[in-house]
Amino acid sequence: MAKTEMLYMQDNYLKKFSARIISTGENYVVLNQTAFYPLGGGQESDTGIMLHQGRTFTITSVRRESGDVRHFFTETEGIPKKDEIVECELDWEKRFTHMRYHSAIHVFSRYMQLEYKADVVGNNISIRSGRADFHLENSLTQEDLQKIEDAVNNLIEQNFPININFMPREEAIKFLNEKGYQTDYIDMVPPSVKIFRIISVGEYDYASCAGTHVSNTSEIGRIKIVKRRSMGVGKERITLTLEQ
């Protein structure tokens, strides 16, 4: 089975690219390389268009299925054939919004870990909002939420550079343990995966993450906490939005 090279793993700002079709289905294609982020890791997939011989195909979702990264269309007629070359373009406004939210959630989650000893146990990122679930000993008050919002915005305004590095599994685990971070994500990945992508936010946050990010926290803008919800004993969900 041919494997798709995930271009966004190296370059989150790639908006257009050419690719060769390696397989097709009734309403999807699999490409030899892609800049589209597939649904997963709590983040919605990218969308956009594919161009071929004067025709435009609307990519409505990208998902991993049966070992493939499939780009799904609204159209079902005239889909290009295997080995044909296509031009692709992301919906950049949607992608950049995801990048801003994902980076904001990293800063937010690190602050919660340091100040409230709260480890994140789930998250979701869309163009509408971002949210994170935490294990907490005590419920957060409205005063807590305002304090958190102000503190996270102050951190974002420090203009931390956000960098991508790749490390072998054991090196990544050692590195994150030394920095005081969870390695649960790495432990869940099959042993066949040898190299891990490590995201660093200045010297404030480090994590194994395959998501899309901005290159500096200055691109995030300000966050606003809009909702707190109890998810059961010792677990709370906090939802934030980005101010335009």
Protein backbone atom coordinates (compact mmCIF):
# COMPACT_ATOMS: atom_id res chain seq x y z
CA MET A 1 0.00 0.00 0.00
CA ALA A 2 1.46 3.34 -1.06
CA LYS A 3 1.88 5.89 1.69
CA THR A 4 0.91 9.57 1.55
CA GLU A 5 3.64 12.03 2.55
CA MET A 6 2.14 14.51 5.03
CA LEU A 7 3.59 17.85 3.92
CA TYR A 8 2.06 19.82 6.81
CA MET A 9 4.24 17.93 9.26
CA GLN A 10 7.16 20.06 8.05
CA ASP A 11 5.39 23.20 6.79
CA ASN A 12 2.10 24.37 8.32
CA TYR A 13 1.99 27.38 5.98
CA LEU A 14 1.91 25.46 2.69
CA LYS A 15 -1.30 26.52 0.92
CA LYS A 16 -0.91 25.01 -2.58
CA PHE A 17 0.80 21.89 -3.86
CA SER A 18 0.91 19.42 -6.74
CA ALA A 19 0.38 15.72 -6.19
CA ARG A 20 0.02 12.42 -8.01
CA ILE A 21 -3.06 10.28 -7.48
CA ILE A 22 -2.13 6.84 -6.15
CA SER A 23 -5.65 5.42 -5.80
CA THR A 24 -9.29 6.45 -6.16
CA GLY A 25 -12.76 5.63 -4.87
CA GLU A 26 -16.28 6.62 -5.82
CA ASN A 27 -15.94 10.05 -4.22
CA TYR A 28 -12.35 10.34 -3.04
CA VAL A 29 -8.71 10.19 -4.09
CA VAL A 30 -5.54 9.21 -2.27
CA LEU A 31 -2.51 11.36 -3.11
CA ASN A 32 1.21 10.63 -2.94
CA GLN A 33 1.58 13.79 -0.83
CA THR A 34 -0.78 16.24 0.83
CA ALA A 35 -0.83 19.45 2.85
CA PHE A 36 -4.40 18.73 4.03
CA TYR A 37 -4.68 17.84 7.71
CA PRO A 38 -6.94 14.78 8.16
CA LEU A 39 -9.60 14.61 10.86
CA GLY A 40 -8.04 13.44 14.13
CA GLY A 41 -6.29 14.43 17.32
CA GLY A 42 -9.27 16.56 18.32
CA GLN A 43 -8.90 18.76 15.23
CA GLU A 44 -11.28 19.04 12.29
CA SER A 45 -9.90 18.26 8.84
CA ASP A 46 -8.83 20.83 6.32
CA THR A 47 -11.00 21.51 3.29
CA GLY A 48 -10.27 23.11 -0.07
CA ILE A 49 -10.17 22.37 -3.79
CA MET A 50 -8.45 20.08 -6.30
CA LEU A 51 -7.89 21.24 -9.89
CA HIS A 52 -7.52 18.95 -12.90
CA GLN A 53 -7.81 19.75 -16.60
CA GLY A 54 -9.93 22.84 -16.04
CA ARG A 55 -12.26 21.20 -13.54
CA THR A 56 -12.54 22.08 -9.86
CA PHE A 57 -13.33 19.43 -7.27
CA THR A 58 -14.42 20.54 -3.79
CA ILE A 59 -12.63 18.67 -1.00
CA THR A 60 -15.15 18.55 1.85
CA SER A 61 -13.19 16.38 4.27
CA VAL A 62 -9.96 14.42 4.65
CA ARG A 63 -9.97 11.24 6.71
CA ARG A 64 -7.75 8.26 7.45
CA GLU A 65 -9.59 5.12 6.37
CA SER A 66 -8.26 1.60 5.78
CA GLY A 67 -4.69 2.85 6.06
CA ASP A 68 -5.20 5.58 3.45
CA VAL A 69 -5.51 9.37 3.70
CA ARG A 70 -8.64 9.94 1.63
CA HIS A 71 -9.67 13.32 0.19
CA PHE A 72 -13.46 13.30 -0.22
CA PHE A 73 -15.42 15.33 -2.79
CA THR A 74 -18.96 16.54 -3.31
CA GLU A 75 -18.52 15.50 -6.98
CA THR A 76 -18.60 11.85 -8.07
CA GLU A 77 -18.28 12.24 -11.85
CA GLY A 78 -15.03 12.70 -13.75
CA ILE A 79 -12.70 12.12 -10.84
CA PRO A 80 -9.09 12.00 -12.12
CA LYS A 81 -7.53 8.57 -12.50
CA LYS A 82 -4.58 6.91 -10.85
CA ASP A 83 -1.17 8.43 -11.71
CA GLU A 84 -2.66 11.70 -12.95
CA ILE A 85 -1.23 14.95 -11.57
CA VAL A 86 -3.53 17.38 -9.76
CA GLU A 87 -3.18 20.82 -8.19
CA CYS A 88 -4.57 21.33 -4.70
CA GLU A 89 -5.31 24.38 -2.59
CA LEU A 90 -6.35 24.63 1.05
CA ASP A 91 -9.11 26.80 2.45
CA TRP A 92 -6.47 28.96 4.08
CA GLU A 93 -8.78 30.96 6.36
CA LYS A 94 -10.01 27.72 7.94
CA ARG A 95 -6.50 26.24 8.23
CA PHE A 96 -5.05 29.38 9.81
CA THR A 97 -7.91 29.53 12.32
CA HIS A 98 -7.17 25.92 13.30
CA MET A 99 -3.48 26.81 13.68
CA ARG A 100 -4.28 29.72 15.98
CA TYR A 101 -6.63 27.65 18.14
CA HIS A 102 -4.25 24.70 18.37
CA SER A 103 -1.35 26.86 19.50
CA ALA A 104 -3.60 28.68 21.97
CA ILE A 105 -4.72 25.37 23.48
CA HIS A 106 -1.06 24.40 24.02
CA VAL A 107 -0.32 27.59 25.98
CA PHE A 108 -3.60 27.28 27.87
CA SER A 109 -3.01 23.62 28.77
CA ARG A 110 0.53 24.27 29.97
CA TYR A 111 -0.69 27.10 32.20
CA MET A 112 -3.33 24.82 33.70
CA GLN A 113 -0.72 22.14 34.35
CA LEU A 114 1.66 24.55 36.09
CA GLU A 115 -0.84 26.61 38.08
CA TYR A 116 -3.64 24.12 38.81
CA LYS A 117 -1.81 20.76 38.49
CA ALA A 118 -4.46 19.92 35.89
CA ASP A 119 -3.48 17.55 33.09
CA VAL A 120 -5.43 17.82 29.85
CA VAL A 121 -7.36 14.64 29.02
CA GLY A 122 -9.09 15.70 25.81
CA ASN A 123 -9.47 18.56 23.39
CA ASN A 124 -11.35 19.71 20.31
CA ILE A 125 -10.45 22.36 17.73
CA SER A 126 -12.73 23.84 15.07
CA ILE A 127 -13.12 27.19 13.32
CA ARG A 128 -15.71 28.18 15.93
CA SER A 129 -13.94 27.45 19.20
CA GLY A 130 -11.37 25.39 21.03
CA ARG A 131 -11.90 23.39 24.16
CA ALA A 132 -9.91 21.29 26.58
CA ASP A 133 -10.93 18.80 29.28
CA PHE A 134 -8.93 18.73 32.52
CA HIS A 135 -8.66 16.61 35.63
CA LEU A 136 -9.09 19.07 38.51
CA GLU A 137 -9.19 18.57 42.26
CA ASN A 138 -11.53 21.55 42.74
CA SER A 139 -14.09 23.16 40.46
CA LEU A 140 -13.05 26.44 38.85
CA THR A 141 -14.81 29.62 39.96
CA GLN A 142 -15.62 32.61 37.78
CA GLU A 143 -12.69 34.37 39.41
CA ASP A 144 -10.44 31.46 38.45
CA LEU A 145 -11.61 31.65 34.84
CA GLN A 146 -10.88 35.38 34.62
CA LYS A 147 -7.45 34.84 36.16
CA ILE A 148 -6.72 32.06 33.66
CA GLU A 149 -7.88 34.14 30.69
CA ASP A 150 -5.73 37.11 31.70
CA ALA A 151 -2.67 34.97 32.39
CA VAL A 152 -2.88 33.04 29.12
CA ASN A 153 -3.27 36.27 27.17
CA ASN A 154 -0.21 37.67 28.92
CA LEU A 155 1.75 34.57 27.91
CA ILE A 156 0.56 34.79 24.30
CA GLU A 157 1.71 38.43 24.19
CA GLN A 158 5.27 37.34 25.00
CA ASN A 159 5.60 36.36 21.33
CA PHE A 160 7.01 32.88 21.91
CA PRO A 161 8.41 31.26 18.74
CA ILE A 162 6.78 27.93 17.97
CA ASN A 163 9.17 25.36 16.51
CA ILE A 164 8.90 21.85 15.11
CA ASN A 165 11.53 19.17 15.76
CA PHE A 166 11.64 15.45 15.09
CA MET A 167 13.06 12.93 17.57
CA PRO A 168 13.41 9.13 17.80
CA ARG A 169 10.86 7.57 20.16
CA GLU A 170 13.15 7.00 23.15
CA GLU A 171 14.77 10.41 22.80
CA ALA A 172 11.34 12.07 22.62
CA ILE A 173 10.13 10.26 25.76
CA LYS A 174 13.28 11.20 27.67
CA PHE A 175 13.09 14.80 26.50
CA LEU A 176 9.44 15.25 27.49
CA ASN A 177 9.94 13.53 30.84
CA GLU A 178 12.82 15.87 31.62
CA LYS A 179 10.59 18.84 30.77
CA GLY A 180 7.79 17.50 33.00
CA TYR A 181 5.33 16.58 30.26
CA GLN A 182 2.95 13.72 29.64
CA THR A 183 4.14 10.98 27.29
CA ASP A 184 0.78 9.18 27.13
CA TYR A 185 0.36 10.08 23.45
CA ILE A 186 3.66 8.46 22.53
CA ASP A 187 2.81 5.34 24.54
CA MET A 188 -0.44 4.94 22.55
CA VAL A 189 1.32 5.06 19.17
CA PRO A 190 2.29 1.65 17.70
CA PRO A 191 5.96 0.63 18.18
CA SER A 192 6.40 0.69 14.40
CA VAL A 193 6.41 4.51 14.58
CA LYS A 194 9.99 5.42 15.37
CA ILE A 195 10.10 9.21 14.90
CA PHE A 196 7.96 11.76 16.77
CA ARG A 197 7.18 15.39 16.07
CA ILE A 198 7.84 17.65 19.05
CA ILE A 199 6.29 21.11 19.22
CA SER A 200 7.96 23.74 21.40
CA VAL A 201 6.41 27.06 22.41
CA GLY A 202 9.45 29.09 23.38
CA GLU A 203 10.72 27.44 26.53
CA TYR A 204 7.22 27.43 28.02
CA ASP A 205 5.58 24.38 26.46
CA TYR A 206 6.73 21.16 24.80
CA ALA A 207 4.58 18.34 23.48
CA SER A 208 4.44 15.48 21.02
CA CYS A 209 1.89 16.78 18.53
CA ALA A 210 0.99 16.15 14.89
CA GLY A 211 -1.37 19.13 14.64
CA THR A 212 -1.02 22.43 12.80
CA HIS A 213 0.43 25.51 14.52
CA VAL A 214 1.35 29.13 13.95
CA SER A 215 5.06 30.04 14.02
CA ASN A 216 4.77 32.59 16.84
CA THR A 217 2.20 33.15 19.59
CA SER A 218 1.78 36.74 18.31
CA GLU A 219 -0.33 35.23 15.49
CA ILE A 220 -2.85 33.75 17.94
CA GLY A 221 -4.41 37.01 19.10
CA ARG A 222 -6.30 37.18 22.38
CA ILE A 223 -8.40 34.37 23.80
CA LYS A 224 -11.69 34.60 25.67
CA ILE A 225 -13.01 31.85 27.93
CA VAL A 226 -16.70 31.51 27.12
CA LYS A 227 -17.84 28.39 28.92
CA ARG A 228 -17.05 26.05 31.78
CA ARG A 229 -18.81 22.72 32.09
CA SER A 230 -18.53 19.92 34.63
CA MET A 231 -17.87 16.58 32.94
CA GLY A 232 -18.22 14.55 36.13
CA VAL A 233 -16.32 14.30 39.38
CA GLY A 234 -12.87 15.86 39.02
CA LYS A 235 -13.22 16.70 35.33
CA GLU A 236 -14.05 20.04 33.73
CA ARG A 237 -14.34 21.26 30.15
CA ILE A 238 -13.30 24.81 29.30
CA THR A 239 -14.21 26.37 25.95
CA LEU A 240 -12.45 29.39 24.53
CA THR A 241 -12.79 31.56 21.45
CA LEU A 242 -10.34 33.81 19.66
CA GLU A 243 -10.93 37.52 19.51
CA GLN A 244 -10.64 38.89 15.98
